[in-house]
Amino acid sequence: MLRTAIAISGLLLLGHGAGAATLSQTIHFPGASADALYELYATSDGHKAVTGLPASYRAPDGAESERAQAGGTLDAFCFQPDMCALKARVLDISNAEGVHSITMAWWNFGWVSAVDPADMTVEGRGAPDSTLVLTFRDTLRGAQIELVQVNVPDFKVRIPNPDQTEEVGPLSSIVNTHWNTLYWDGFRRNLAP
């Protein structure tokens, strides 16, 4: 828990560069436990259950792993084999009774979807990875997830949806909204009695 507090404090002190945003959300799940929420996020099967799309964690040596490991990776939203929309490196994991946290260097295909190619500053990756800290914590009524995501690109993007529509706007705004539609709603579905 102390490492998570230090990581969040450091992220907030760093702020964000020009063209990047910091996202912060706290989502409550009445009747749930931090352990159950963490298991859904930090396991390949749980991640897939939440998002409805294939996801896999890998160990630091690249071997498939059922769960997140510090030094390993996460590939998620895999619409086709080897074509995953989300790539993350697991930087740190902290587990204590009733509190879990995971810190990741986080990137998705939106990073290379800028309307203006001049906004993409890192060859092949569009923009630097964001840093994501998720903290899963028991509360008096259940549990909550605290999200802090720093360095989310703020440039305008055009992102195609599977239904042939497009989302156009600042990437940070789209990412902020997608946490709800792609994750929090999925957690609620999986926790329903």
Protein backbone atom coordinates (compact mmCIF):
# COMPACT_ATOMS: atom_id res chain seq x y z
CA MET A 1 0.00 0.00 0.00
CA LEU A 2 2.85 2.37 0.78
CA ARG A 3 4.42 1.71 -2.65
CA THR A 4 1.09 2.56 -4.29
CA ALA A 5 0.77 5.80 -2.32
CA ILE A 6 4.31 6.76 -3.29
CA ALA A 7 3.64 5.88 -6.95
CA ILE A 8 0.44 7.95 -7.05
CA SER A 9 2.12 10.87 -5.29
CA GLY A 10 4.99 10.73 -7.75
CA LEU A 11 2.62 10.62 -10.70
CA LEU A 12 0.67 13.61 -9.47
CA LEU A 13 3.89 15.55 -8.85
CA LEU A 14 5.03 14.78 -12.40
CA GLY A 15 1.79 16.20 -13.71
CA HIS A 16 1.63 15.91 -17.45
CA GLY A 17 3.40 17.35 -20.41
CA ALA A 18 1.88 19.48 -23.12
CA GLY A 19 -0.77 17.50 -24.92
CA ALA A 20 -1.25 14.93 -22.15
CA ALA A 21 -3.88 14.50 -19.46
CA THR A 22 -4.19 12.88 -16.04
CA LEU A 23 -7.30 10.76 -15.43
CA SER A 24 -8.63 10.02 -11.96
CA GLN A 25 -11.67 7.92 -11.08
CA THR A 26 -13.02 6.14 -8.00
CA ILE A 27 -15.65 3.49 -8.72
CA HIS A 28 -17.69 1.83 -5.99
CA PHE A 29 -18.91 -1.77 -6.07
CA PRO A 30 -21.37 -2.38 -3.21
CA GLY A 31 -21.24 -5.92 -1.82
CA ALA A 32 -17.97 -6.76 -3.62
CA SER A 33 -14.53 -7.37 -2.15
CA ALA A 34 -11.18 -5.93 -3.19
CA ASP A 35 -9.95 -9.52 -3.61
CA ALA A 36 -12.73 -10.35 -6.12
CA LEU A 37 -12.18 -7.13 -8.09
CA TYR A 38 -8.43 -7.69 -8.23
CA GLU A 39 -8.86 -11.30 -9.39
CA LEU A 40 -11.06 -10.12 -12.25
CA TYR A 41 -8.48 -7.60 -13.42
CA ALA A 42 -5.23 -9.43 -12.67
CA THR A 43 -5.99 -12.81 -14.26
CA SER A 44 -6.22 -13.60 -17.96
CA ASP A 45 -9.60 -15.33 -17.59
CA GLY A 46 -10.98 -12.57 -15.37
CA HIS A 47 -9.81 -9.84 -17.73
CA LYS A 48 -11.49 -11.65 -20.62
CA ALA A 49 -14.70 -12.07 -18.60
CA VAL A 50 -14.79 -8.34 -17.80
CA THR A 51 -14.08 -7.05 -21.32
CA GLY A 52 -15.57 -9.88 -23.38
CA LEU A 53 -12.39 -10.07 -25.51
CA PRO A 54 -9.29 -12.25 -25.27
CA ALA A 55 -6.59 -11.10 -22.88
CA SER A 56 -3.39 -12.71 -21.71
CA TYR A 57 -0.82 -11.98 -19.09
CA ARG A 58 2.77 -13.01 -19.70
CA ALA A 59 5.57 -13.61 -17.21
CA PRO A 60 8.78 -11.55 -17.37
CA ASP A 61 10.37 -14.29 -19.53
CA GLY A 62 7.50 -14.03 -22.07
CA ALA A 63 5.79 -17.30 -21.13
CA GLU A 64 2.01 -17.24 -20.79
CA SER A 65 0.84 -16.69 -17.25
CA GLU A 66 -2.63 -16.93 -15.76
CA ARG A 67 -2.03 -13.83 -13.64
CA ALA A 68 -0.24 -10.50 -13.63
CA GLN A 69 3.40 -10.55 -12.53
CA ALA A 70 5.70 -7.60 -11.96
CA GLY A 71 7.97 -7.37 -14.99
CA GLY A 72 5.45 -9.20 -17.18
CA THR A 73 2.97 -7.88 -19.72
CA LEU A 74 -0.73 -7.75 -20.56
CA ASP A 75 -2.14 -7.99 -24.08
CA ALA A 76 -5.88 -7.29 -24.17
CA PHE A 77 -8.69 -6.50 -26.60
CA CYS A 78 -7.19 -9.02 -29.00
CA PHE A 79 -9.53 -8.86 -31.98
CA GLN A 80 -7.22 -11.23 -33.90
CA PRO A 81 -4.21 -13.28 -32.77
CA ASP A 82 -1.20 -11.00 -32.38
CA MET A 83 -3.37 -7.92 -32.95
CA CYS A 84 -4.15 -6.61 -29.49
CA ALA A 85 -5.45 -3.07 -29.02
CA LEU A 86 -4.01 -2.80 -25.49
CA LYS A 87 -0.40 -3.47 -24.53
CA ALA A 88 0.82 -2.93 -20.98
CA ARG A 89 3.95 -3.68 -18.98
CA VAL A 90 3.35 -4.58 -15.33
CA LEU A 91 5.70 -2.36 -13.35
CA ASP A 92 4.63 -3.19 -9.80
CA ILE A 93 2.11 -5.23 -7.84
CA SER A 94 1.30 -4.75 -4.18
CA ASN A 95 -0.99 -7.06 -2.20
CA ALA A 96 -2.14 -6.66 1.38
CA GLU A 97 -5.28 -7.72 3.20
CA GLY A 98 -8.18 -5.83 1.62
CA VAL A 99 -5.93 -3.70 -0.62
CA HIS A 100 -4.29 -4.60 -3.93
CA SER A 101 -2.60 -2.36 -6.47
CA ILE A 102 -1.12 -2.79 -9.90
CA THR A 103 1.02 -0.21 -11.69
CA MET A 104 1.45 -0.46 -15.47
CA ALA A 105 3.04 1.30 -18.41
CA TRP A 106 -0.12 1.35 -20.54
CA TRP A 107 -0.63 1.91 -24.29
CA ASN A 108 -3.51 1.26 -26.68
CA PHE A 109 -4.11 1.68 -30.40
CA GLY A 110 -5.55 5.17 -29.80
CA TRP A 111 -1.96 6.30 -29.29
CA VAL A 112 -1.41 5.84 -33.06
CA SER A 113 -4.82 7.14 -34.15
CA ALA A 114 -4.12 10.88 -34.17
CA VAL A 115 -6.02 12.84 -36.80
CA ASP A 116 -2.90 15.01 -37.25
CA PRO A 117 0.17 12.78 -37.76
CA ALA A 118 2.36 15.56 -36.33
CA ASP A 119 0.85 14.78 -32.91
CA MET A 120 2.48 11.34 -32.91
CA THR A 121 5.95 11.83 -31.48
CA VAL A 122 7.22 8.27 -30.86
CA GLU A 123 7.88 6.24 -33.98
CA GLY A 124 5.75 3.10 -34.08
CA ARG A 125 4.01 3.96 -30.79
CA GLY A 126 2.52 7.39 -31.52
CA ALA A 127 3.06 8.79 -28.04
CA PRO A 128 4.83 7.68 -24.85
CA ASP A 129 3.11 5.08 -22.67
CA SER A 130 0.83 6.37 -19.97
CA THR A 131 1.34 5.21 -16.40
CA LEU A 132 -1.66 3.54 -14.81
CA VAL A 133 -2.17 2.79 -11.11
CA LEU A 134 -5.23 0.78 -10.11
CA THR A 135 -5.91 0.31 -6.39
CA PHE A 136 -8.54 -2.21 -5.28
CA ARG A 137 -9.69 -1.43 -1.74
CA ASP A 138 -12.30 -2.84 0.66
CA THR A 139 -14.81 -0.30 1.97
CA LEU A 140 -17.52 -0.42 4.62
CA ARG A 141 -20.15 -1.28 1.97
CA GLY A 142 -18.09 -3.38 -0.42
CA ALA A 143 -15.05 -2.34 -2.42
CA GLN A 144 -13.79 0.32 -4.76
CA ILE A 145 -11.28 0.74 -7.54
CA GLU A 146 -9.21 3.92 -7.58
CA LEU A 147 -7.72 4.76 -10.98
CA VAL A 148 -4.96 7.28 -11.67
CA GLN A 149 -3.65 7.36 -15.24
CA VAL A 150 -0.96 9.90 -16.11
CA ASN A 151 0.33 11.01 -19.51
CA VAL A 152 -2.74 10.08 -21.57
CA PRO A 153 -2.38 11.80 -24.96
CA ASP A 154 -4.83 14.64 -25.43
CA PHE A 155 -4.59 14.90 -29.21
CA LYS A 156 -7.64 14.49 -31.43
CA VAL A 157 -8.17 10.93 -32.68
CA ARG A 158 -10.48 9.05 -34.99
CA ILE A 159 -11.15 5.54 -33.65
CA PRO A 160 -13.25 3.02 -35.59
CA ASN A 161 -15.77 0.94 -33.66
CA PRO A 162 -16.74 -2.66 -34.47
CA ASP A 163 -20.24 -1.42 -35.48
CA GLN A 164 -18.71 0.69 -38.29
CA THR A 165 -19.16 3.99 -36.41
CA GLU A 166 -16.26 6.20 -35.33
CA GLU A 167 -15.34 8.05 -32.17
CA VAL A 168 -13.70 11.41 -32.82
CA GLY A 169 -12.32 13.67 -30.11
CA PRO A 170 -9.51 14.10 -27.60
CA LEU A 171 -7.99 10.68 -26.84
CA SER A 172 -7.91 11.41 -23.10
CA SER A 173 -11.68 11.97 -23.08
CA ILE A 174 -12.31 8.74 -25.02
CA VAL A 175 -10.01 6.72 -22.73
CA ASN A 176 -11.73 8.20 -19.66
CA THR A 177 -15.15 7.14 -21.02
CA HIS A 178 -13.93 3.71 -22.12
CA TRP A 179 -12.86 2.80 -18.58
CA ASN A 180 -16.57 2.82 -17.73
CA THR A 181 -17.91 1.10 -20.83
CA LEU A 182 -15.14 -1.47 -21.26
CA TYR A 183 -14.23 -2.19 -17.64
CA TRP A 184 -16.53 -0.92 -14.88
CA ASP A 185 -19.71 -2.17 -16.60
CA GLY A 186 -17.96 -5.52 -17.13
CA PHE A 187 -17.01 -5.74 -13.46
CA ARG A 188 -20.65 -5.09 -12.50
CA ARG A 189 -21.87 -7.83 -14.89
CA ASN A 190 -19.41 -10.33 -13.42
CA LEU A 191 -20.25 -9.45 -9.83
CA ALA A 192 -24.05 -9.59 -10.27
CA PRO A 193 -25.75 -12.32 -8.24
